[in-house]
Amino acid sequence: MKLYHHPLSGHAHRARLFLSLVGAPHELVEVDLKAGEHKTPAFRAMNPFGQVPVLDDDGVIVSDSNAILVYVAKRLGRSDWLPEDPQGAAAVQRWLSVAAGELAYGPAAARLITVFGATFNPEEVIARAHTLLARLEAHLDGRDWLAAERPTIADVALYSYLARAPEGNVDLSSYANVEAFLRRVESLPGFVPLAKTPAGLTAAG
């Protein structure tokens, strides 16, 4: 498998993290976002939306980070990470939707401002981030994981942008359950961290 990624992308990191957690052999191919490589015809042939990550599994092309999580879990038969039963699958899907919705428009958007120079309204997206964090804090009260009694791709989908929320000026110090959840993910065998943004760097893309 080849994973086209950028080291500062939280979306790309969730795909890379899951590949590492399940021990799937893969090659990392860095896409130069600052140079606009993700907007070239060659890259758009793989993903017309011009976004990382993209997974190439021997010619099977999968774009979108959540789709990659589902594909890899199914491809490797990892029902421990993506349950097959209707209730378990639905519980995971609920959080994949949160990752693509509230997380993307809250903590992820706040980080896009500081890391990639996005033009979102900081007060608005930071407020959204805290709304989500409060809900997660309540949900994780008495729970170790989001969707099941063991880690699933739901946890992987939310980890990256929650862990790096402070880079978007979102303070996590009031959310003890969320911080404990992040530490649990980080203690999983095969965990790899998302690269920290170098001080003073704003990447284009």
Protein backbone atom coordinates (compact mmCIF):
# COMPACT_ATOMS: atom_id res chain seq x y z
CA MET A 1 0.00 0.00 0.00
CA LYS A 2 1.09 3.57 -0.73
CA LEU A 3 -0.26 6.43 1.36
CA TYR A 4 -0.01 9.88 -0.19
CA HIS A 5 0.13 12.24 2.77
CA HIS A 6 1.50 15.41 4.30
CA PRO A 7 3.14 15.17 7.74
CA LEU A 8 1.13 18.11 9.18
CA SER A 9 -2.25 16.96 7.88
CA GLY A 10 -4.52 15.56 10.58
CA HIS A 11 -6.63 13.82 7.95
CA ALA A 12 -3.54 12.12 6.54
CA HIS A 13 -2.35 11.26 10.03
CA ARG A 14 -5.51 9.35 10.92
CA ALA A 15 -4.94 7.11 7.89
CA ARG A 16 -1.25 6.66 8.68
CA LEU A 17 -2.02 5.99 12.34
CA PHE A 18 -4.49 3.24 11.54
CA LEU A 19 -2.16 1.56 9.07
CA SER A 20 0.48 1.53 11.81
CA LEU A 21 -1.90 0.32 14.54
CA VAL A 22 -2.92 -2.72 12.46
CA GLY A 23 0.62 -3.37 11.28
CA ALA A 24 -0.19 -2.98 7.58
CA PRO A 25 2.98 -2.64 5.47
CA HIS A 26 2.83 0.66 3.61
CA GLU A 27 4.96 3.25 1.86
CA LEU A 28 4.57 6.92 2.71
CA VAL A 29 4.62 9.31 -0.24
CA GLU A 30 4.79 12.95 0.87
CA VAL A 31 2.72 15.41 -1.16
CA ASP A 32 4.18 18.92 -1.30
CA LEU A 33 1.16 21.05 -0.38
CA LYS A 34 3.13 24.27 -0.33
CA ALA A 35 4.12 23.73 -3.96
CA GLY A 36 0.55 22.83 -4.88
CA GLU A 37 1.31 19.23 -5.78
CA HIS A 38 -2.14 18.22 -4.55
CA LYS A 39 -3.71 20.42 -7.27
CA THR A 40 -1.76 18.94 -10.19
CA PRO A 41 -3.50 16.84 -12.87
CA ALA A 42 -1.55 13.76 -11.80
CA PHE A 43 -2.76 14.01 -8.22
CA ARG A 44 -6.30 14.99 -9.21
CA ALA A 45 -6.43 11.84 -11.32
CA MET A 46 -6.32 9.97 -8.00
CA ASN A 47 -8.49 12.41 -6.04
CA PRO A 48 -10.46 15.00 -8.04
CA PHE A 49 -10.98 16.97 -4.81
CA GLY A 50 -7.23 17.60 -4.62
CA GLN A 51 -6.84 16.56 -0.99
CA VAL A 52 -4.62 14.26 1.04
CA PRO A 53 -4.65 11.48 2.02
CA VAL A 54 -5.00 9.04 -0.85
CA LEU A 55 -4.36 5.31 -0.50
CA ASP A 56 -3.14 3.25 -3.45
CA ASP A 57 -3.57 -0.44 -2.71
CA ASP A 58 -2.02 -2.08 -5.76
CA GLY A 59 -4.10 0.05 -8.11
CA VAL A 60 -7.20 0.35 -5.92
CA ILE A 61 -7.39 4.07 -5.17
CA VAL A 62 -9.17 5.23 -2.02
CA SER A 63 -9.42 8.91 -1.11
CA ASP A 64 -10.92 10.52 2.01
CA SER A 65 -9.39 9.64 5.36
CA ASN A 66 -12.51 8.06 6.87
CA ALA A 67 -13.04 5.98 3.72
CA ILE A 68 -9.44 4.79 4.04
CA LEU A 69 -10.08 3.69 7.64
CA VAL A 70 -13.10 1.68 6.52
CA TYR A 71 -11.28 0.23 3.51
CA VAL A 72 -8.24 -0.90 5.49
CA ALA A 73 -10.36 -2.45 8.25
CA LYS A 74 -12.45 -4.34 5.69
CA ARG A 75 -9.49 -5.22 3.51
CA LEU A 76 -7.65 -6.81 6.43
CA GLY A 77 -10.72 -8.35 8.03
CA ARG A 78 -10.26 -6.31 11.20
CA SER A 79 -13.73 -6.53 12.68
CA ASP A 80 -12.15 -5.71 16.04
CA TRP A 81 -11.65 -2.18 14.68
CA LEU A 82 -14.85 -2.00 12.60
CA PRO A 83 -17.66 -4.16 14.01
CA GLU A 84 -19.77 -6.23 11.62
CA ASP A 85 -22.94 -6.25 13.72
CA PRO A 86 -25.50 -3.53 12.90
CA GLN A 87 -25.39 -1.82 16.29
CA GLY A 88 -21.61 -1.80 16.49
CA ALA A 89 -21.18 -0.60 12.90
CA ALA A 90 -23.72 2.17 13.46
CA ALA A 91 -21.96 3.30 16.65
CA VAL A 92 -18.70 3.65 14.73
CA GLN A 93 -20.39 5.43 11.82
CA ARG A 94 -21.89 7.97 14.21
CA TRP A 95 -18.41 9.09 15.22
CA LEU A 96 -17.06 9.03 11.67
CA SER A 97 -19.82 11.54 10.91
CA VAL A 98 -18.70 13.66 13.87
CA ALA A 99 -15.13 13.53 12.53
CA ALA A 100 -16.34 14.83 9.16
CA GLY A 101 -18.68 17.38 10.75
CA GLU A 102 -18.23 18.90 14.19
CA LEU A 103 -14.55 17.96 14.43
CA ALA A 104 -13.72 19.28 10.96
CA TYR A 105 -15.54 22.57 11.53
CA GLY A 106 -14.29 23.01 15.08
CA PRO A 107 -10.83 21.86 16.27
CA ALA A 108 -9.60 21.04 12.75
CA ALA A 109 -10.69 24.39 11.34
CA ALA A 110 -9.08 26.25 14.23
CA ARG A 111 -5.79 24.47 13.54
CA LEU A 112 -6.07 25.18 9.80
CA ILE A 113 -5.94 28.89 10.62
CA THR A 114 -2.62 28.70 12.45
CA VAL A 115 -0.94 25.89 10.50
CA PHE A 116 -2.17 26.39 6.94
CA GLY A 117 -3.28 30.03 6.95
CA ALA A 118 -7.00 29.31 6.44
CA THR A 119 -9.36 32.28 6.60
CA PHE A 120 -11.95 30.95 9.05
CA ASN A 121 -13.29 33.14 11.85
CA PRO A 122 -11.18 32.12 14.88
CA GLU A 123 -13.80 32.94 17.51
CA GLU A 124 -16.46 30.97 15.65
CA VAL A 125 -14.45 27.80 15.08
CA ILE A 126 -12.91 27.82 18.56
CA ALA A 127 -16.42 28.12 20.05
CA ARG A 128 -17.50 25.14 17.94
CA ALA A 129 -14.47 23.23 19.18
CA HIS A 130 -15.42 23.78 22.82
CA THR A 131 -19.01 22.74 22.14
CA LEU A 132 -17.73 19.45 20.74
CA LEU A 133 -15.21 19.00 23.54
CA ALA A 134 -17.91 19.46 26.17
CA ARG A 135 -20.01 16.77 24.50
CA LEU A 136 -17.04 14.43 24.25
CA GLU A 137 -16.16 15.06 27.89
CA ALA A 138 -19.65 13.99 28.92
CA HIS A 139 -19.69 10.99 26.58
CA LEU A 140 -16.34 9.74 27.88
CA ASP A 141 -17.42 9.91 31.52
CA GLY A 142 -17.06 6.29 32.61
CA ARG A 143 -15.93 5.16 29.13
CA ASP A 144 -12.50 4.38 27.76
CA TRP A 145 -13.44 4.48 24.07
CA LEU A 146 -15.98 6.29 21.93
CA ALA A 147 -17.98 3.54 20.21
CA ALA A 148 -17.20 0.25 21.95
CA GLU A 149 -15.45 -1.32 24.91
CA ARG A 150 -12.30 -1.51 22.81
CA PRO A 151 -10.65 0.91 20.39
CA THR A 152 -12.22 1.21 16.94
CA ILE A 153 -11.66 3.34 13.88
CA ALA A 154 -13.98 5.88 15.53
CA ASP A 155 -11.25 6.65 18.06
CA VAL A 156 -8.64 6.90 15.31
CA ALA A 157 -10.85 9.28 13.33
CA LEU A 158 -11.13 11.77 16.19
CA TYR A 159 -7.67 11.46 17.73
CA SER A 160 -5.45 13.54 15.46
CA TYR A 161 -7.31 16.85 15.53
CA LEU A 162 -8.20 16.52 19.21
CA ALA A 163 -4.57 15.91 20.13
CA ARG A 164 -3.39 18.91 18.14
CA ALA A 165 -6.29 21.20 19.10
CA PRO A 166 -3.97 23.45 21.17
CA GLU A 167 -2.13 24.32 17.93
CA GLY A 168 -5.38 26.04 16.93
CA ASN A 169 -5.60 27.88 20.27
CA VAL A 170 -8.14 25.42 21.65
CA ASP A 171 -7.32 24.76 25.32
CA LEU A 172 -7.87 21.17 26.44
CA SER A 173 -7.05 21.68 30.12
CA SER A 174 -10.72 21.69 31.21
CA TYR A 175 -11.44 18.32 29.62
CA ALA A 176 -9.87 15.63 31.79
CA ASN A 177 -11.79 12.76 30.17
CA VAL A 178 -10.76 13.87 26.69
CA GLU A 179 -7.12 14.18 27.73
CA ALA A 180 -7.24 10.70 29.31
CA PHE A 181 -8.74 9.36 26.08
CA LEU A 182 -5.86 10.86 24.07
CA ARG A 183 -3.32 9.21 26.37
CA ARG A 184 -5.06 5.85 25.90
CA VAL A 185 -4.80 6.15 22.12
CA GLU A 186 -1.13 7.09 22.47
CA SER A 187 -0.47 3.96 24.54
CA LEU A 188 -1.76 1.60 21.82
CA PRO A 189 0.89 -0.65 20.22
CA GLY A 190 1.92 0.79 16.87
CA PHE A 191 0.97 4.38 17.73
CA VAL A 192 2.70 7.07 15.66
CA PRO A 193 2.32 10.78 16.50
CA LEU A 194 1.22 13.58 14.23
CA ALA A 195 4.16 15.85 13.49
CA LYS A 196 4.20 19.04 15.50
CA THR A 197 4.13 22.28 13.55
CA PRO A 198 7.53 24.01 13.66
CA ALA A 199 7.39 27.33 15.46
CA GLY A 200 6.59 30.20 13.14
CA LEU A 201 5.66 27.99 10.19
CA THR A 202 2.55 28.59 8.14
CA ALA A 203 2.20 26.12 5.28
CA ALA A 204 0.26 26.91 2.13
CA GLY A 205 -2.32 24.54 0.77
